[in-house]
Amino acid sequence: MHRFRTIFLLVAVAAALSLPACSPGEKSYPVHTYNLGERVELGHIVYTAFETQWLTQIGEAPSQRIPQNRFFLIRISATNSLGSEILVPNVSVEDDNGQTYSELSDGEGVPQWIGFLRNVKPAESAQGNVVFDAPPRHYKLKLSDETGERTAYIDIPLSFGAETPDITSPVSAGKQPPSAPISSPGTSAVPPKQ
């Protein structure tokens, strides 16, 4: 009987230790992954990542900057939807193996650098490039809300050209622009009769 009680007590302690260490007031938020160009709402910050660029150097000799890997620029926008000024948190990128690279605090020479400390007033946005020193790979941009409680990712495909997502305006949605007839040199560009 004593042995049964000891085993029962050990099982009960193991079960209690395996429960999450959350107090009743703490909330768990789902983590979503978005595509490049999609609007991401986290707390009172609305993020959008527009394009990416890989650089082997920033600037020209003799003051050029050379990365350990490659400079990886991601153009983002972060809009404050709160009624007071907020500090937009720094971001990072994470590869498929879980390796994380934090954004660089030195933006010297980075075109349209967004800055490292981003105080944003109500209904205003911070826009520009965040920069990383990372090897060329597929990444997810890790974002968080102003409190650090909520997290989301933006999928960043590996591309060595400037990657700009197609953003369709509501006016032009569903309309095809007129195209000019294709012609070879010495031929007429008159469309065939129907």
Protein backbone atom coordinates (compact mmCIF):
# COMPACT_ATOMS: atom_id res chain seq x y z
CA MET A 1 0.00 0.00 0.00
CA HIS A 2 2.85 2.37 0.85
CA ARG A 3 4.47 1.61 -2.52
CA PHE A 4 1.21 2.37 -4.39
CA ARG A 5 0.89 5.72 -2.55
CA THR A 6 4.51 6.63 -3.41
CA ILE A 7 4.00 5.82 -7.10
CA PHE A 8 0.73 7.78 -7.15
CA LEU A 9 2.46 10.77 -5.50
CA LEU A 10 5.33 10.67 -8.03
CA VAL A 11 2.87 10.55 -10.95
CA ALA A 12 0.90 13.48 -9.51
CA VAL A 13 4.07 15.57 -9.04
CA ALA A 14 5.25 14.75 -12.59
CA ALA A 15 1.85 15.76 -13.99
CA ALA A 16 1.88 19.03 -12.07
CA LEU A 17 5.39 19.87 -13.30
CA SER A 18 4.41 19.19 -16.90
CA LEU A 19 1.61 21.76 -16.85
CA PRO A 20 2.40 25.15 -18.43
CA ALA A 21 3.67 27.74 -15.99
CA CYS A 22 1.02 30.32 -16.91
CA SER A 23 -0.97 32.23 -14.37
CA PRO A 24 -4.73 32.38 -14.97
CA GLY A 25 -4.41 36.01 -16.20
CA GLU A 26 -1.81 35.28 -18.92
CA LYS A 27 -3.03 34.72 -22.47
CA SER A 28 -1.50 32.62 -25.19
CA TYR A 29 -1.74 34.19 -28.64
CA PRO A 30 -1.56 32.21 -31.89
CA VAL A 31 1.48 32.87 -34.08
CA HIS A 32 0.63 33.38 -37.77
CA THR A 33 2.86 33.51 -40.86
CA TYR A 34 2.01 36.03 -43.58
CA ASN A 35 3.27 36.54 -47.14
CA LEU A 36 5.42 39.42 -48.33
CA GLY A 37 3.10 42.36 -49.04
CA GLU A 38 0.34 41.29 -46.62
CA ARG A 39 -0.86 43.54 -43.79
CA VAL A 40 0.09 42.22 -40.32
CA GLU A 41 -1.75 43.62 -37.28
CA LEU A 42 0.01 42.95 -33.97
CA GLY A 43 -1.35 44.78 -30.94
CA HIS A 44 -1.37 48.45 -31.95
CA ILE A 45 1.22 48.12 -34.74
CA VAL A 46 0.33 47.41 -38.36
CA TYR A 47 3.32 46.01 -40.27
CA THR A 48 3.87 45.48 -43.99
CA ALA A 49 7.05 44.16 -45.64
CA PHE A 50 7.28 45.34 -49.24
CA GLU A 51 10.53 44.18 -50.83
CA THR A 52 13.92 42.61 -50.19
CA GLN A 53 17.43 43.16 -51.48
CA TRP A 54 20.77 41.37 -51.03
CA LEU A 55 23.96 43.46 -51.11
CA THR A 56 27.62 42.38 -51.07
CA GLN A 57 28.66 45.83 -49.85
CA ILE A 58 27.22 49.19 -48.83
CA GLY A 59 28.81 52.35 -50.11
CA GLU A 60 31.88 52.92 -52.26
CA ALA A 61 35.61 52.64 -51.53
CA PRO A 62 37.30 53.78 -49.35
CA SER A 63 34.38 54.00 -46.88
CA GLN A 64 32.47 50.93 -48.06
CA ARG A 65 31.05 48.45 -45.56
CA ILE A 66 31.63 44.74 -46.15
CA PRO A 67 29.40 42.21 -44.31
CA GLN A 68 30.52 38.94 -42.77
CA ASN A 69 27.87 37.20 -44.94
CA ARG A 70 25.65 39.49 -47.07
CA PHE A 71 23.67 42.59 -46.26
CA PHE A 72 19.99 41.69 -46.38
CA LEU A 73 17.62 44.66 -46.63
CA ILE A 74 13.88 44.37 -46.07
CA ARG A 75 11.72 47.44 -46.71
CA ILE A 76 8.98 47.64 -44.08
CA SER A 77 6.30 49.97 -42.80
CA ALA A 78 5.12 50.04 -39.17
CA THR A 79 2.01 52.12 -38.42
CA ASN A 80 0.94 53.11 -34.89
CA SER A 81 -2.80 52.59 -34.33
CA LEU A 82 -2.63 53.50 -30.62
CA GLY A 83 -3.65 56.92 -29.29
CA SER A 84 -0.17 57.59 -27.88
CA GLU A 85 3.44 57.37 -29.06
CA ILE A 86 4.96 53.88 -29.12
CA LEU A 87 8.38 52.36 -29.68
CA VAL A 88 8.29 49.88 -32.56
CA PRO A 89 10.35 46.82 -31.49
CA ASN A 90 13.40 45.64 -33.38
CA VAL A 91 12.95 42.68 -35.71
CA SER A 92 14.94 39.59 -36.62
CA VAL A 93 15.04 36.98 -39.37
CA GLU A 94 14.95 33.23 -38.79
CA ASP A 95 16.04 30.59 -41.31
CA ASP A 96 14.51 27.13 -41.79
CA ASN A 97 17.01 25.63 -39.28
CA GLY A 98 15.98 28.05 -36.52
CA GLN A 99 19.13 30.21 -36.81
CA THR A 100 18.24 33.82 -35.93
CA TYR A 101 19.87 37.04 -37.13
CA SER A 102 19.03 40.32 -35.38
CA GLU A 103 18.70 43.56 -37.28
CA LEU A 104 21.87 45.67 -37.33
CA SER A 105 21.94 48.80 -35.18
CA ASP A 106 24.32 50.59 -37.57
CA GLY A 107 22.54 51.77 -40.71
CA GLU A 108 25.35 53.92 -42.07
CA GLY A 109 25.13 53.95 -45.85
CA VAL A 110 21.93 51.86 -45.96
CA PRO A 111 19.51 53.42 -48.45
CA GLN A 112 16.30 54.63 -46.76
CA TRP A 113 17.30 53.14 -43.39
CA ILE A 114 14.31 53.01 -41.02
CA GLY A 115 16.47 53.57 -37.94
CA PHE A 116 17.12 51.37 -34.93
CA LEU A 117 15.04 53.21 -32.30
CA ARG A 118 11.66 53.84 -33.87
CA ASN A 119 9.37 56.15 -31.86
CA VAL A 120 6.13 56.49 -33.80
CA LYS A 121 3.41 59.01 -32.98
CA PRO A 122 -0.30 58.11 -33.13
CA ALA A 123 -1.62 57.42 -36.66
CA GLU A 124 1.89 57.81 -38.14
CA SER A 125 4.27 55.29 -39.70
CA ALA A 126 7.95 54.46 -39.71
CA GLN A 127 9.03 53.33 -43.19
CA GLY A 128 12.32 52.20 -44.65
CA ASN A 129 14.85 49.39 -44.78
CA VAL A 130 15.88 47.18 -41.88
CA VAL A 131 19.28 45.58 -42.46
CA PHE A 132 20.75 42.23 -41.44
CA ASP A 133 24.14 40.53 -41.92
CA ALA A 134 23.06 37.02 -42.90
CA PRO A 135 23.89 34.29 -45.45
CA PRO A 136 21.52 34.06 -48.45
CA ARG A 137 18.70 31.70 -47.45
CA HIS A 138 14.95 31.47 -47.12
CA TYR A 139 13.90 33.47 -44.04
CA LYS A 140 10.92 34.50 -41.98
CA LEU A 141 10.86 38.04 -40.63
CA LYS A 142 9.93 37.88 -36.93
CA LEU A 143 7.74 40.76 -35.72
CA SER A 144 6.25 41.57 -32.32
CA ASP A 145 3.72 43.97 -30.87
CA GLU A 146 4.65 46.95 -28.67
CA THR A 147 4.56 44.81 -25.49
CA GLY A 148 6.40 41.78 -26.87
CA GLU A 149 3.43 39.51 -26.04
CA ARG A 150 2.30 38.80 -29.61
CA THR A 151 4.50 37.53 -32.42
CA ALA A 152 4.01 36.95 -36.14
CA TYR A 153 6.20 36.05 -39.11
CA ILE A 154 6.41 37.24 -42.69
CA ASP A 155 7.68 34.62 -45.13
CA ILE A 156 10.61 36.01 -47.15
CA PRO A 157 11.44 33.84 -50.19
CA LEU A 158 15.08 33.63 -51.29
CA SER A 159 15.51 35.96 -54.25
CA PHE A 160 18.60 37.80 -55.48
CA GLY A 161 16.67 40.42 -57.45
CA ALA A 162 14.66 43.12 -55.76
CA GLU A 163 11.49 41.35 -54.64
CA THR A 164 8.43 43.56 -54.85
CA PRO A 165 5.04 41.90 -54.35
CA ASP A 166 2.19 42.59 -56.75
CA ILE A 167 -0.18 44.94 -54.98
CA THR A 168 -3.46 45.31 -56.83
CA SER A 169 -5.32 48.57 -56.48
CA PRO A 170 -9.08 48.29 -56.05
CA VAL A 171 -9.63 50.41 -59.17
CA SER A 172 -7.58 48.22 -61.49
CA ALA A 173 -8.59 44.86 -60.01
CA GLY A 174 -9.92 42.59 -62.72
CA LYS A 175 -9.05 44.91 -65.60
CA GLN A 176 -6.45 44.02 -68.18
CA PRO A 177 -4.38 46.90 -69.52
CA PRO A 178 -4.62 47.26 -73.27
CA SER A 179 -1.61 45.73 -75.02
CA ALA A 180 -0.03 46.88 -78.21
CA PRO A 181 0.14 44.40 -81.08
CA ILE A 182 3.48 42.68 -81.46
CA SER A 183 5.21 43.02 -84.80
CA SER A 184 8.51 41.98 -86.28
CA PRO A 185 10.71 44.43 -88.20
CA GLY A 186 9.32 44.97 -91.68
CA THR A 187 5.81 43.70 -90.84
CA SER A 188 2.63 45.54 -90.11
CA ALA A 189 1.30 45.84 -86.56
CA VAL A 190 -2.30 45.81 -87.77
CA PRO A 191 -4.42 43.35 -85.79
CA PRO A 192 -6.13 40.60 -87.84
CA LYS A 193 -9.75 41.14 -88.91
CA GLN A 194 -12.40 39.17 -87.10
